[in-house]
Amino acid sequence: MHEWNTAVHVQDAEGDPRRRALTLDELEAFFDAADNRVARIRKLGRKGWLPAYRDAVLFKVAYGYGLRRNEARMLDTPDFGRNPHAPEFGGRGVCNVRFGKAMKGSPPKRRTVLTVWEWTPEVLAEWTEEVRPLLASPGNDALWPSERAARVGLAQIDARFAAVRDELGLDDAVDFHTLRRSYITHLIEDGWDPLFVQQQAGHEHASTTAIYTCVSSDFRTRTLRQALDKTMKTALAAGEGKR
């Protein structure tokens, strides 16, 4: 195997054994903690509740579409559209990612991510229609505006994420990318087709998606049980047919 006849792996490294997906309970606790920060700040009468609200929604949307950090940061309000095959999501059935991770020497890679969670459009609607206008300056299309700039910075996103993580006592290996890792894992656990998950994540190779997948022991137990039950059912049916 040589450089000229093998695929170059340019996706995010997943070698650290501490890196894993969050369980659904951990994910819910994380989102709740981010929401609680908004409530605490607002109760104290501080202006910081708007950025805190923005960050809480940013985390949910990043998970809801399996986005990398900069992919989420660079979203604009017009980057969402209708999916004719899923009209129940309204104007937020599709997320158009314009700043996907680039291949070496190439411009940012675009992709379309379909909405799969029914709560995602609701979270986006409340943010864009009710709260975002209180923070964004006129003419600014950035989905996540900052009080000091047109768009929130990567360092600020990292700092806010770490604050919520530390509040919950999670390992410091849990970072923003954990949301993307959790999204991929939860889709697989919910039975979504692996090729669909690969396309949603924007992975060129299925092997990369497999690296991201951190299915729980409960999922593996259910999968084994279903396979064994199916095998037993087939064997019993074959036995009945011989009688």
C-alpha atoms as a PDB file:
ATOM      1  CA  MET A   1       0.000   0.000   0.000  1.00  0.00           C
ATOM      2  CA  HIS A   2       1.401   3.367  -1.038  1.00  0.00           C
ATOM      3  CA  GLU A   3       0.300   7.018  -1.108  1.00  0.00           C
ATOM      4  CA  TRP A   4      -0.634   6.739  -4.777  1.00  0.00           C
ATOM      5  CA  ASN A   5      -3.044   3.806  -4.377  1.00  0.00           C
ATOM      6  CA  THR A   6      -4.701   4.500  -1.020  1.00  0.00           C
ATOM      7  CA  ALA A   7      -7.259   7.055   0.149  1.00  0.00           C
ATOM      8  CA  VAL A   8      -5.875   9.845   2.282  1.00  0.00           C
ATOM      9  CA  HIS A   9      -7.745  10.202   5.584  1.00  0.00           C
ATOM     10  CA  VAL A  10      -8.337  13.920   6.136  1.00  0.00           C
ATOM     11  CA  GLN A  11     -11.304  13.758   8.519  1.00  0.00           C
ATOM     12  CA  ASP A  12     -11.109  14.635  12.199  1.00  0.00           C
ATOM     13  CA  ALA A  13      -8.880  12.321  14.223  1.00  0.00           C
ATOM     14  CA  GLU A  14     -10.760  10.030  16.573  1.00  0.00           C
ATOM     15  CA  GLY A  15      -7.827   8.211  18.086  1.00  0.00           C
ATOM     16  CA  ASP A  16      -8.176   9.388  21.698  1.00  0.00           C
ATOM     17  CA  PRO A  17      -9.880   6.507  23.543  1.00  0.00           C
ATOM     18  CA  ARG A  18     -11.590   8.997  25.861  1.00  0.00           C
ATOM     19  CA  ARG A  19     -13.559  10.414  22.957  1.00  0.00           C
ATOM     20  CA  ARG A  20     -17.042   9.003  22.857  1.00  0.00           C
ATOM     21  CA  ALA A  21     -20.621   9.890  22.158  1.00  0.00           C
ATOM     22  CA  LEU A  22     -22.860  11.193  24.909  1.00  0.00           C
ATOM     23  CA  THR A  23     -25.699   8.982  26.014  1.00  0.00           C
ATOM     24  CA  LEU A  24     -29.194  10.371  25.510  1.00  0.00           C
ATOM     25  CA  ASP A  25     -29.431  11.105  29.231  1.00  0.00           C
ATOM     26  CA  GLU A  26     -26.094  12.953  29.189  1.00  0.00           C
ATOM     27  CA  LEU A  27     -27.128  14.905  26.117  1.00  0.00           C
ATOM     28  CA  GLU A  28     -30.413  15.931  27.724  1.00  0.00           C
ATOM     29  CA  ALA A  29     -28.558  16.966  30.893  1.00  0.00           C
ATOM     30  CA  PHE A  30     -26.146  19.043  28.793  1.00  0.00           C
ATOM     31  CA  PHE A  31     -28.943  20.870  26.991  1.00  0.00           C
ATOM     32  CA  ASP A  32     -30.804  21.403  30.271  1.00  0.00           C
ATOM     33  CA  ALA A  33     -27.677  22.861  31.872  1.00  0.00           C
ATOM     34  CA  ALA A  34     -27.224  25.269  28.949  1.00  0.00           C
ATOM     35  CA  ASP A  35     -30.875  26.345  29.252  1.00  0.00           C
ATOM     36  CA  ASN A  36     -30.542  26.772  33.015  1.00  0.00           C
ATOM     37  CA  ARG A  37     -27.628  29.149  32.519  1.00  0.00           C
ATOM     38  CA  VAL A  38     -29.928  31.377  30.484  1.00  0.00           C
ATOM     39  CA  ALA A  39     -32.582  31.323  33.208  1.00  0.00           C
ATOM     40  CA  ARG A  40     -30.058  32.117  35.956  1.00  0.00           C
ATOM     41  CA  ILE A  41     -28.530  35.060  34.104  1.00  0.00           C
ATOM     42  CA  ARG A  42     -31.917  36.482  33.164  1.00  0.00           C
ATOM     43  CA  LYS A  43     -33.201  36.140  36.733  1.00  0.00           C
ATOM     44  CA  LEU A  44     -30.273  38.248  37.930  1.00  0.00           C
ATOM     45  CA  GLY A  45     -31.197  40.941  35.430  1.00  0.00           C
ATOM     46  CA  ARG A  46     -27.974  40.710  33.461  1.00  0.00           C
ATOM     47  CA  LYS A  47     -27.673  41.390  29.741  1.00  0.00           C
ATOM     48  CA  GLY A  48     -25.705  38.211  29.137  1.00  0.00           C
ATOM     49  CA  TRP A  49     -28.811  36.080  28.827  1.00  0.00           C
ATOM     50  CA  LEU A  50     -29.014  36.741  25.071  1.00  0.00           C
ATOM     51  CA  PRO A  51     -25.551  35.298  24.269  1.00  0.00           C
ATOM     52  CA  ALA A  52     -26.263  32.439  26.675  1.00  0.00           C
ATOM     53  CA  TYR A  53     -29.525  31.722  24.837  1.00  0.00           C
ATOM     54  CA  ARG A  54     -27.685  31.831  21.512  1.00  0.00           C
ATOM     55  CA  ASP A  55     -25.097  29.345  22.743  1.00  0.00           C
ATOM     56  CA  ALA A  56     -27.743  26.945  24.061  1.00  0.00           C
ATOM     57  CA  VAL A  57     -29.523  26.920  20.690  1.00  0.00           C
ATOM     58  CA  LEU A  58     -26.214  26.659  18.803  1.00  0.00           C
ATOM     59  CA  PHE A  59     -25.349  23.486  20.722  1.00  0.00           C
ATOM     60  CA  LYS A  60     -28.772  21.967  19.948  1.00  0.00           C
ATOM     61  CA  VAL A  61     -28.582  22.815  16.250  1.00  0.00           C
ATOM     62  CA  ALA A  62     -25.014  21.490  15.971  1.00  0.00           C
ATOM     63  CA  TYR A  63     -26.230  18.187  17.385  1.00  0.00           C
ATOM     64  CA  GLY A  64     -29.477  18.299  15.408  1.00  0.00           C
ATOM     65  CA  TYR A  65     -27.576  18.340  12.110  1.00  0.00           C
ATOM     66  CA  GLY A  66     -24.305  16.673  13.158  1.00  0.00           C
ATOM     67  CA  LEU A  67     -22.244  19.771  12.400  1.00  0.00           C
ATOM     68  CA  ARG A  68     -18.597  20.487  12.974  1.00  0.00           C
ATOM     69  CA  ARG A  69     -17.778  23.582  14.978  1.00  0.00           C
ATOM     70  CA  ASN A  70     -17.030  25.929  12.060  1.00  0.00           C
ATOM     71  CA  GLU A  71     -19.888  24.498  10.007  1.00  0.00           C
ATOM     72  CA  ALA A  72     -22.263  25.525  12.763  1.00  0.00           C
ATOM     73  CA  ARG A  73     -20.586  28.891  13.320  1.00  0.00           C
ATOM     74  CA  MET A  74     -20.800  29.902   9.659  1.00  0.00           C
ATOM     75  CA  LEU A  75     -24.513  29.250   9.242  1.00  0.00           C
ATOM     76  CA  ASP A  76     -26.672  32.141   8.049  1.00  0.00           C
ATOM     77  CA  THR A  77     -30.423  32.493   8.425  1.00  0.00           C
ATOM     78  CA  PRO A  78     -31.078  31.796   4.681  1.00  0.00           C
ATOM     79  CA  ASP A  79     -29.223  28.459   4.921  1.00  0.00           C
ATOM     80  CA  PHE A  80     -32.414  26.559   5.745  1.00  0.00           C
ATOM     81  CA  GLY A  81     -35.098  25.503   3.314  1.00  0.00           C
ATOM     82  CA  ARG A  82     -38.011  23.189   2.687  1.00  0.00           C
ATOM     83  CA  ASN A  83     -37.768  19.476   2.098  1.00  0.00           C
ATOM     84  CA  PRO A  84     -40.648  18.536  -0.230  1.00  0.00           C
ATOM     85  CA  HIS A  85     -40.535  14.997   1.141  1.00  0.00           C
ATOM     86  CA  ALA A  86     -40.921  16.206   4.732  1.00  0.00           C
ATOM     87  CA  PRO A  87     -43.409  19.104   4.670  1.00  0.00           C
ATOM     88  CA  GLU A  88     -44.007  18.767   8.403  1.00  0.00           C
ATOM     89  CA  PHE A  89     -40.687  20.555   9.009  1.00  0.00           C
ATOM     90  CA  GLY A  90     -41.856  23.676   7.183  1.00  0.00           C
ATOM     91  CA  GLY A  91     -39.086  25.958   5.991  1.00  0.00           C
ATOM     92  CA  ARG A  92     -36.468  24.186   8.051  1.00  0.00           C
ATOM     93  CA  GLY A  93     -36.445  20.719   6.513  1.00  0.00           C
ATOM     94  CA  VAL A  94     -32.981  21.168   4.997  1.00  0.00           C
ATOM     95  CA  CYS A  95     -29.775  22.733   6.305  1.00  0.00           C
ATOM     96  CA  ASN A  96     -27.368  23.893   3.606  1.00  0.00           C
ATOM     97  CA  VAL A  97     -23.832  23.652   4.959  1.00  0.00           C
ATOM     98  CA  ARG A  98     -21.596  26.004   2.971  1.00  0.00           C
ATOM     99  CA  PHE A  99     -18.404  25.736   4.990  1.00  0.00           C
ATOM    100  CA  GLY A 100     -17.885  21.996   5.301  1.00  0.00           C
ATOM    101  CA  LYS A 101     -14.444  20.631   6.028  1.00  0.00           C
ATOM    102  CA  ALA A 102     -12.336  20.924   2.891  1.00  0.00           C
ATOM    103  CA  MET A 103     -10.240  18.236   1.309  1.00  0.00           C
ATOM    104  CA  LYS A 104      -6.535  19.055   1.187  1.00  0.00           C
ATOM    105  CA  GLY A 105      -5.977  21.911  -1.266  1.00  0.00           C
ATOM    106  CA  SER A 106      -9.702  22.349  -1.961  1.00  0.00           C
ATOM    107  CA  PRO A 107     -12.251  25.025  -1.023  1.00  0.00           C
ATOM    108  CA  PRO A 108     -14.844  24.417   1.715  1.00  0.00           C
ATOM    109  CA  LYS A 109     -17.050  21.467   0.886  1.00  0.00           C
ATOM    110  CA  ARG A 110     -20.788  22.082   0.613  1.00  0.00           C
ATOM    111  CA  ARG A 111     -23.421  19.559   1.582  1.00  0.00           C
ATOM    112  CA  THR A 112     -27.102  19.361   2.351  1.00  0.00           C
ATOM    113  CA  VAL A 113     -28.210  17.901   5.677  1.00  0.00           C
ATOM    114  CA  LEU A 114     -31.810  16.811   6.072  1.00  0.00           C
ATOM    115  CA  THR A 115     -33.718  17.532   9.266  1.00  0.00           C
ATOM    116  CA  VAL A 116     -34.454  14.300  11.142  1.00  0.00           C
ATOM    117  CA  TRP A 117     -35.449  15.382  14.674  1.00  0.00           C
ATOM    118  CA  GLU A 118     -38.913  16.936  14.968  1.00  0.00           C
ATOM    119  CA  TRP A 119     -37.786  19.329  17.723  1.00  0.00           C
ATOM    120  CA  THR A 120     -35.063  20.992  15.628  1.00  0.00           C
ATOM    121  CA  PRO A 121     -37.318  23.284  13.545  1.00  0.00           C
ATOM    122  CA  GLU A 122     -39.137  24.402  16.694  1.00  0.00           C
ATOM    123  CA  VAL A 123     -35.879  25.388  18.408  1.00  0.00           C
ATOM    124  CA  LEU A 124     -34.711  27.236  15.295  1.00  0.00           C
ATOM    125  CA  ALA A 125     -38.022  29.045  14.850  1.00  0.00           C
ATOM    126  CA  GLU A 126     -38.077  30.376  18.400  1.00  0.00           C
ATOM    127  CA  TRP A 127     -34.483  31.569  18.106  1.00  0.00           C
ATOM    128  CA  THR A 128     -34.701  33.219  14.683  1.00  0.00           C
ATOM    129  CA  GLU A 129     -38.135  34.782  15.076  1.00  0.00           C
ATOM    130  CA  GLU A 130     -38.222  35.830  18.734  1.00  0.00           C
ATOM    131  CA  VAL A 131     -34.762  36.061  20.287  1.00  0.00           C
ATOM    132  CA  ARG A 132     -32.157  36.570  17.566  1.00  0.00           C
ATOM    133  CA  PRO A 133     -33.599  39.968  16.470  1.00  0.00           C
ATOM    134  CA  LEU A 134     -32.765  41.280  19.949  1.00  0.00           C
ATOM    135  CA  LEU A 135     -29.065  40.526  19.396  1.00  0.00           C
ATOM    136  CA  ALA A 136     -28.404  40.890  15.653  1.00  0.00           C
ATOM    137  CA  SER A 137     -27.676  44.225  14.029  1.00  0.00           C
ATOM    138  CA  PRO A 138     -29.717  45.241  10.949  1.00  0.00           C
ATOM    139  CA  GLY A 139     -28.556  43.531   7.759  1.00  0.00           C
ATOM    140  CA  ASN A 140     -26.591  40.826   9.570  1.00  0.00           C
ATOM    141  CA  ASP A 141     -27.587  37.363   8.282  1.00  0.00           C
ATOM    142  CA  ALA A 142     -25.329  35.398  10.644  1.00  0.00           C
ATOM    143  CA  LEU A 143     -27.408  32.824  12.507  1.00  0.00           C
ATOM    144  CA  TRP A 144     -25.273  33.293  15.626  1.00  0.00           C
ATOM    145  CA  PRO A 145     -24.477  36.999  15.962  1.00  0.00           C
ATOM    146  CA  SER A 146     -22.241  38.284  18.713  1.00  0.00           C
ATOM    147  CA  GLU A 147     -22.700  41.350  20.880  1.00  0.00           C
ATOM    148  CA  ARG A 148     -19.251  42.572  19.734  1.00  0.00           C
ATOM    149  CA  ALA A 149     -19.007  41.185  16.189  1.00  0.00           C
ATOM    150  CA  ALA A 150     -21.156  40.075  13.308  1.00  0.00           C
ATOM    151  CA  ARG A 151     -20.628  36.416  14.175  1.00  0.00           C
ATOM    152  CA  VAL A 152     -19.683  34.504  17.326  1.00  0.00           C
ATOM    153  CA  GLY A 153     -16.054  33.371  17.461  1.00  0.00           C
ATOM    154  CA  LEU A 154     -14.702  29.837  17.707  1.00  0.00           C
ATOM    155  CA  ALA A 155     -12.894  30.552  20.971  1.00  0.00           C
ATOM    156  CA  GLN A 156     -16.109  31.857  22.500  1.00  0.00           C
ATOM    157  CA  ILE A 157     -17.999  28.738  21.399  1.00  0.00           C
ATOM    158  CA  ASP A 158     -15.331  26.528  22.955  1.00  0.00           C
ATOM    159  CA  ALA A 159     -15.365  28.487  26.210  1.00  0.00           C
ATOM    160  CA  ARG A 160     -19.155  28.315  26.568  1.00  0.00           C
ATOM    161  CA  PHE A 161     -19.196  24.612  25.760  1.00  0.00           C
ATOM    162  CA  ALA A 162     -16.461  23.914  28.308  1.00  0.00           C
ATOM    163  CA  ALA A 163     -18.342  25.874  30.979  1.00  0.00           C
ATOM    164  CA  VAL A 164     -21.444  23.689  30.591  1.00  0.00           C
ATOM    165  CA  ARG A 165     -19.349  20.515  30.398  1.00  0.00           C
ATOM    166  CA  ASP A 166     -17.432  21.357  33.553  1.00  0.00           C
ATOM    167  CA  GLU A 167     -20.627  22.237  35.377  1.00  0.00           C
ATOM    168  CA  LEU A 168     -21.849  18.701  34.700  1.00  0.00           C
ATOM    169  CA  GLY A 169     -18.527  17.149  35.707  1.00  0.00           C
ATOM    170  CA  LEU A 170     -17.917  15.541  32.319  1.00  0.00           C
ATOM    171  CA  ASP A 171     -14.451  14.500  31.187  1.00  0.00           C
ATOM    172  CA  ASP A 172     -12.456  17.245  29.450  1.00  0.00           C
ATOM    173  CA  ALA A 173     -12.209  14.972  26.402  1.00  0.00           C
ATOM    174  CA  VAL A 174     -15.851  15.908  25.799  1.00  0.00           C
ATOM    175  CA  ASP A 175     -15.645  18.820  23.378  1.00  0.00           C
ATOM    176  CA  PHE A 176     -17.840  20.494  20.793  1.00  0.00           C
ATOM    177  CA  HIS A 177     -17.120  17.704  18.330  1.00  0.00           C
ATOM    178  CA  THR A 178     -18.772  15.306  20.785  1.00  0.00           C
ATOM    179  CA  LEU A 179     -22.133  16.670  19.595  1.00  0.00           C
ATOM    180  CA  ARG A 180     -21.380  15.498  16.048  1.00  0.00           C
ATOM    181  CA  ARG A 181     -20.122  12.151  17.333  1.00  0.00           C
ATOM    182  CA  SER A 182     -23.326  11.748  19.362  1.00  0.00           C
ATOM    183  CA  TYR A 183     -25.524  12.624  16.389  1.00  0.00           C
ATOM    184  CA  ILE A 184     -23.949   9.933  14.214  1.00  0.00           C
ATOM    185  CA  THR A 185     -24.112   7.353  16.990  1.00  0.00           C
ATOM    186  CA  HIS A 186     -27.735   8.069  17.868  1.00  0.00           C
ATOM    187  CA  LEU A 187     -28.840   7.807  14.237  1.00  0.00           C
ATOM    188  CA  ILE A 188     -27.183   4.406  13.946  1.00  0.00           C
ATOM    189  CA  GLU A 189     -28.728   3.270  17.229  1.00  0.00           C
ATOM    190  CA  ASP A 190     -32.152   4.414  16.021  1.00  0.00           C
ATOM    191  CA  GLY A 191     -31.833   2.174  12.974  1.00  0.00           C
ATOM    192  CA  TRP A 192     -31.141   4.748  10.255  1.00  0.00           C
ATOM    193  CA  ASP A 193     -29.465   3.385   7.139  1.00  0.00           C
ATOM    194  CA  PRO A 194     -25.639   3.643   7.430  1.00  0.00           C
ATOM    195  CA  LEU A 195     -25.354   5.163   3.932  1.00  0.00           C
ATOM    196  CA  PHE A 196     -27.870   7.870   4.883  1.00  0.00           C
ATOM    197  CA  VAL A 197     -25.881   8.610   8.043  1.00  0.00           C
ATOM    198  CA  GLN A 198     -22.655   8.783   6.036  1.00  0.00           C
ATOM    199  CA  GLN A 199     -24.205  11.285   3.613  1.00  0.00           C
ATOM    200  CA  GLN A 200     -25.659  13.361   6.437  1.00  0.00           C
ATOM    201  CA  ALA A 201     -22.231  13.585   8.049  1.00  0.00           C
ATOM    202  CA  GLY A 202     -20.528  14.421   4.765  1.00  0.00           C
ATOM    203  CA  HIS A 203     -18.044  11.566   5.008  1.00  0.00           C
ATOM    204  CA  GLU A 204     -16.475  10.402   1.767  1.00  0.00           C
ATOM    205  CA  HIS A 205     -15.793   6.932   3.174  1.00  0.00           C
ATOM    206  CA  ALA A 206     -18.058   4.692   5.253  1.00  0.00           C
ATOM    207  CA  SER A 207     -15.032   3.743   7.334  1.00  0.00           C
ATOM    208  CA  THR A 208     -14.868   7.300   8.669  1.00  0.00           C
ATOM    209  CA  THR A 209     -18.485   7.142   9.797  1.00  0.00           C
ATOM    210  CA  ALA A 210     -17.729   3.840  11.489  1.00  0.00           C
ATOM    211  CA  ILE A 211     -14.892   5.475  13.454  1.00  0.00           C
ATOM    212  CA  TYR A 212     -17.342   8.073  14.763  1.00  0.00           C
ATOM    213  CA  THR A 213     -19.924   5.508  15.814  1.00  0.00           C
ATOM    214  CA  CYS A 214     -19.828   4.716  19.541  1.00  0.00           C
ATOM    215  CA  VAL A 215     -22.891   2.576  20.046  1.00  0.00           C
ATOM    216  CA  SER A 216     -23.878   1.775  23.606  1.00  0.00           C
ATOM    217  CA  SER A 217     -23.744  -1.672  25.166  1.00  0.00           C
ATOM    218  CA  ASP A 218     -27.548  -1.542  25.410  1.00  0.00           C
ATOM    219  CA  PHE A 219     -27.776  -1.082  21.650  1.00  0.00           C
ATOM    220  CA  ARG A 220     -25.459  -4.035  21.034  1.00  0.00           C
ATOM    221  CA  THR A 221     -27.496  -6.160  23.415  1.00  0.00           C
ATOM    222  CA  ARG A 222     -30.732  -5.281  21.602  1.00  0.00           C
ATOM    223  CA  THR A 223     -29.123  -5.983  18.226  1.00  0.00           C
ATOM    224  CA  LEU A 224     -27.863  -9.379  19.397  1.00  0.00           C
ATOM    225  CA  ARG A 225     -31.245 -10.254  20.907  1.00  0.00           C
ATOM    226  CA  GLN A 226     -33.074  -9.317  17.711  1.00  0.00           C
ATOM    227  CA  ALA A 227     -30.677 -11.388  15.605  1.00  0.00           C
ATOM    228  CA  LEU A 228     -31.012 -14.406  17.883  1.00  0.00           C
ATOM    229  CA  ASP A 229     -34.806 -14.109  17.990  1.00  0.00           C
ATOM    230  CA  LYS A 230     -34.951 -13.858  14.208  1.00  0.00           C
ATOM    231  CA  THR A 231     -32.718 -16.927  13.841  1.00  0.00           C
ATOM    232  CA  MET A 232     -34.841 -18.897  16.293  1.00  0.00           C
ATOM    233  CA  LYS A 233     -38.069 -17.842  14.566  1.00  0.00           C
ATOM    234  CA  THR A 234     -36.712 -18.936  11.195  1.00  0.00           C
ATOM    235  CA  ALA A 235     -35.579 -22.279  12.611  1.00  0.00           C
ATOM    236  CA  LEU A 236     -38.968 -22.936  14.233  1.00  0.00           C
ATOM    237  CA  ALA A 237     -40.790 -22.039  11.030  1.00  0.00           C
ATOM    238  CA  ALA A 238     -38.565 -24.418   9.063  1.00  0.00           C
ATOM    239  CA  GLY A 239     -39.267 -27.176  11.602  1.00  0.00           C
ATOM    240  CA  GLU A 240     -43.013 -26.626  11.338  1.00  0.00           C
ATOM    241  CA  GLY A 241     -42.767 -26.853   7.574  1.00  0.00           C
ATOM    242  CA  LYS A 242     -41.238 -30.345   7.731  1.00  0.00           C
ATOM    243  CA  ARG A 243     -44.098 -31.762   9.751  1.00  0.00           C
END
